[in-house]
């Protein structure tokens, strides 16, 4: 199972949610494809909610413009 590190690229303040650059989560996926674009980014959104308590989907940041995806494990 590949391990991905997803990091926020820039500050975003939207819908009452403030996101800071550098916020990152690690997500393991059963697929080798990008977890932000797979299954509507559910794994990524759940990880950000679990770690930081923020809903990045509601903030409009669940996209490749705001997030940097790096595969760190196989």
N, C-alpha and C. Protein backbone atom coordinates (compact mmCIF):
# COMPACT_ATOMS: atom_id res chain seq x y z
N UNK A 1 0.84 -1.19 0.00
CA UNK A 1 0.00 0.00 0.00
C UNK A 1 0.88 1.24 0.00
N UNK A 2 0.75 2.07 -1.00
CA UNK A 2 1.55 3.29 -1.06
C UNK A 2 1.14 4.30 0.01
N UNK A 3 2.11 5.06 0.45
CA UNK A 3 1.88 6.10 1.45
C UNK A 3 2.11 7.46 0.78
N UNK A 4 1.16 8.35 0.96
CA UNK A 4 1.23 9.69 0.36
C UNK A 4 1.25 10.74 1.46
N UNK A 5 2.01 11.82 1.24
CA UNK A 5 1.98 12.99 2.12
C UNK A 5 1.32 14.12 1.34
N UNK A 6 0.23 14.63 1.90
CA UNK A 6 -0.52 15.71 1.28
C UNK A 6 -0.31 16.97 2.11
N UNK A 7 0.18 18.03 1.48
CA UNK A 7 0.53 19.27 2.17
C UNK A 7 -0.21 20.44 1.53
N UNK A 8 -0.71 21.32 2.37
CA UNK A 8 -1.38 22.53 1.90
C UNK A 8 -0.33 23.53 1.41
N UNK A 9 -0.52 24.06 0.20
CA UNK A 9 0.47 24.96 -0.41
C UNK A 9 0.35 26.41 0.06
N UNK A 10 -0.87 26.87 0.32
CA UNK A 10 -1.05 28.29 0.60
C UNK A 10 -2.15 28.50 1.64
N UNK A 11 -2.18 29.67 2.22
CA UNK A 11 -3.19 30.01 3.22
C UNK A 11 -4.53 30.17 2.52
N UNK A 12 -5.56 29.68 3.20
CA UNK A 12 -6.91 29.81 2.65
C UNK A 12 -7.86 30.06 3.80
N UNK A 13 -8.74 31.04 3.63
CA UNK A 13 -9.74 31.37 4.63
C UNK A 13 -11.08 31.44 3.90
N UNK A 14 -11.87 30.36 4.04
CA UNK A 14 -13.10 30.26 3.28
C UNK A 14 -14.16 29.54 4.10
N UNK A 15 -15.39 30.02 4.04
CA UNK A 15 -16.52 29.43 4.76
C UNK A 15 -16.26 29.28 6.26
N UNK A 16 -15.55 30.23 6.82
CA UNK A 16 -15.27 30.20 8.25
C UNK A 16 -14.18 29.22 8.65
N UNK A 17 -13.47 28.68 7.68
CA UNK A 17 -12.40 27.71 7.95
C UNK A 17 -11.08 28.32 7.51
N UNK A 18 -10.11 28.32 8.42
CA UNK A 18 -8.79 28.88 8.10
C UNK A 18 -7.79 27.74 7.97
N UNK A 19 -7.13 27.69 6.83
CA UNK A 19 -6.11 26.69 6.55
C UNK A 19 -4.77 27.38 6.38
N UNK A 20 -3.75 26.83 6.97
CA UNK A 20 -2.41 27.42 6.92
C UNK A 20 -1.49 26.60 6.02
N UNK A 21 -0.58 27.27 5.30
CA UNK A 21 0.36 26.52 4.48
C UNK A 21 1.25 25.64 5.36
N UNK A 22 1.56 24.47 4.86
CA UNK A 22 2.40 23.54 5.61
C UNK A 22 1.61 22.50 6.38
N UNK A 23 0.31 22.69 6.53
CA UNK A 23 -0.50 21.66 7.18
C UNK A 23 -0.40 20.41 6.30
N UNK A 24 -0.06 19.27 6.91
CA UNK A 24 0.09 18.07 6.10
C UNK A 24 -0.43 16.85 6.83
N UNK A 25 -0.83 15.86 6.05
CA UNK A 25 -1.29 14.58 6.57
C UNK A 25 -0.66 13.47 5.73
N UNK A 26 -0.53 12.31 6.33
CA UNK A 26 -0.06 11.13 5.62
C UNK A 26 -1.25 10.20 5.43
N UNK A 27 -1.40 9.69 4.20
CA UNK A 27 -2.53 8.84 3.86
C UNK A 27 -2.01 7.59 3.15
N UNK A 28 -2.44 6.43 3.62
CA UNK A 28 -2.11 5.20 2.89
C UNK A 28 -3.32 4.83 2.05
N UNK A 29 -3.05 4.38 0.84
CA UNK A 29 -4.12 4.09 -0.11
C UNK A 29 -3.90 2.73 -0.72
N UNK A 30 -4.97 2.07 -1.07
CA UNK A 30 -4.86 0.78 -1.74
C UNK A 30 -4.60 0.96 -3.24
N UNK A 31 -4.68 2.20 -3.70
CA UNK A 31 -4.46 2.52 -5.11
C UNK A 31 -3.16 3.30 -5.26
N UNK A 32 -2.51 3.15 -6.40
CA UNK A 32 -1.28 3.89 -6.66
C UNK A 32 -1.55 5.26 -7.26
N UNK A 33 -2.82 5.59 -7.49
CA UNK A 33 -3.15 6.89 -8.08
C UNK A 33 -3.30 7.96 -6.99
N UNK A 34 -3.36 9.18 -7.42
CA UNK A 34 -3.43 10.34 -6.55
C UNK A 34 -4.66 10.27 -5.62
N UNK A 35 -4.48 10.28 -4.30
CA UNK A 35 -5.62 10.17 -3.38
C UNK A 35 -6.53 11.40 -3.36
N UNK A 36 -6.06 12.54 -3.87
CA UNK A 36 -6.91 13.73 -3.92
C UNK A 36 -7.98 13.56 -5.00
N UNK A 37 -7.62 12.92 -6.10
CA UNK A 37 -8.56 12.75 -7.19
C UNK A 37 -9.27 11.39 -7.18
N UNK A 38 -8.87 10.49 -6.30
CA UNK A 38 -9.50 9.17 -6.21
C UNK A 38 -10.63 9.21 -5.19
N UNK A 39 -11.79 8.68 -5.58
CA UNK A 39 -12.95 8.57 -4.69
C UNK A 39 -13.36 9.92 -4.10
N UNK A 40 -13.22 10.97 -4.86
CA UNK A 40 -13.63 12.30 -4.41
C UNK A 40 -12.75 12.88 -3.31
N UNK A 41 -11.57 12.30 -3.09
CA UNK A 41 -10.66 12.79 -2.07
C UNK A 41 -11.09 12.47 -0.64
N UNK A 42 -11.95 11.48 -0.49
CA UNK A 42 -12.49 11.14 0.83
C UNK A 42 -11.41 10.81 1.85
N UNK A 43 -10.39 10.03 1.45
CA UNK A 43 -9.31 9.68 2.38
C UNK A 43 -8.57 10.93 2.87
N UNK A 44 -8.35 11.86 1.96
CA UNK A 44 -7.63 13.09 2.30
C UNK A 44 -8.48 13.97 3.21
N UNK A 45 -9.75 14.14 2.87
CA UNK A 45 -10.64 14.96 3.68
C UNK A 45 -10.78 14.38 5.08
N UNK A 46 -10.93 13.06 5.17
CA UNK A 46 -11.03 12.40 6.49
C UNK A 46 -9.76 12.58 7.31
N UNK A 47 -8.60 12.50 6.66
CA UNK A 47 -7.33 12.65 7.37
C UNK A 47 -7.17 14.07 7.91
N UNK A 48 -7.51 15.08 7.12
CA UNK A 48 -7.42 16.46 7.61
C UNK A 48 -8.39 16.70 8.75
N UNK A 49 -9.56 16.11 8.68
CA UNK A 49 -10.52 16.28 9.77
C UNK A 49 -10.04 15.58 11.04
N UNK A 50 -9.46 14.40 10.89
CA UNK A 50 -8.96 13.64 12.03
C UNK A 50 -7.78 14.35 12.71
N UNK A 51 -6.85 14.89 11.92
CA UNK A 51 -5.64 15.50 12.48
C UNK A 51 -5.88 16.94 12.95
N UNK A 52 -6.55 17.75 12.14
CA UNK A 52 -6.69 19.18 12.44
C UNK A 52 -8.11 19.61 12.81
N UNK A 53 -9.08 18.76 12.58
CA UNK A 53 -10.47 19.12 12.89
C UNK A 53 -11.06 20.11 11.91
N UNK A 54 -10.55 20.13 10.67
CA UNK A 54 -11.07 21.05 9.66
C UNK A 54 -11.60 20.26 8.47
N UNK A 55 -12.62 20.81 7.84
CA UNK A 55 -13.23 20.19 6.67
C UNK A 55 -12.69 20.91 5.43
N UNK A 56 -11.65 20.32 4.81
CA UNK A 56 -11.04 21.00 3.66
C UNK A 56 -11.95 20.99 2.44
N UNK A 57 -12.88 20.06 2.39
CA UNK A 57 -13.83 20.05 1.28
C UNK A 57 -14.77 21.25 1.39
N UNK A 58 -15.25 21.54 2.60
CA UNK A 58 -16.12 22.70 2.82
C UNK A 58 -15.36 24.00 2.56
N UNK A 59 -14.06 24.00 2.86
CA UNK A 59 -13.23 25.19 2.63
C UNK A 59 -12.86 25.36 1.15
N UNK A 60 -13.17 24.37 0.33
CA UNK A 60 -12.87 24.46 -1.09
C UNK A 60 -11.42 24.22 -1.42
N UNK A 61 -10.71 23.48 -0.56
CA UNK A 61 -9.28 23.26 -0.76
C UNK A 61 -8.94 21.83 -1.15
N UNK A 62 -9.94 21.03 -1.48
CA UNK A 62 -9.69 19.64 -1.85
C UNK A 62 -9.45 19.56 -3.36
N UNK A 63 -8.31 20.13 -3.78
CA UNK A 63 -7.97 20.16 -5.20
C UNK A 63 -6.45 20.24 -5.34
N UNK A 64 -5.98 20.05 -6.55
CA UNK A 64 -4.53 20.05 -6.79
C UNK A 64 -3.94 21.46 -6.85
N UNK A 65 -4.75 22.48 -6.88
CA UNK A 65 -4.24 23.85 -6.83
C UNK A 65 -3.76 24.17 -5.42
N UNK A 66 -4.51 23.73 -4.42
CA UNK A 66 -4.20 24.03 -3.02
C UNK A 66 -3.36 22.96 -2.33
N UNK A 67 -3.31 21.77 -2.87
CA UNK A 67 -2.63 20.66 -2.20
C UNK A 67 -1.47 20.14 -3.03
N UNK A 68 -0.41 19.75 -2.34
CA UNK A 68 0.75 19.13 -2.96
C UNK A 68 0.76 17.66 -2.52
N UNK A 69 0.85 16.74 -3.47
CA UNK A 69 0.83 15.31 -3.16
C UNK A 69 2.19 14.72 -3.48
N UNK A 70 2.75 14.01 -2.50
CA UNK A 70 4.06 13.39 -2.65
C UNK A 70 3.96 11.94 -2.20
N UNK A 71 4.42 11.02 -3.02
CA UNK A 71 4.43 9.62 -2.62
C UNK A 71 5.70 9.37 -1.82
N UNK A 72 5.56 8.95 -0.56
CA UNK A 72 6.72 8.79 0.30
C UNK A 72 6.99 7.33 0.64
N UNK A 73 6.13 6.44 0.27
CA UNK A 73 6.34 5.02 0.55
C UNK A 73 5.69 4.18 -0.52
N UNK A 74 6.11 2.91 -0.57
CA UNK A 74 5.57 2.01 -1.59
C UNK A 74 4.47 1.18 -1.07
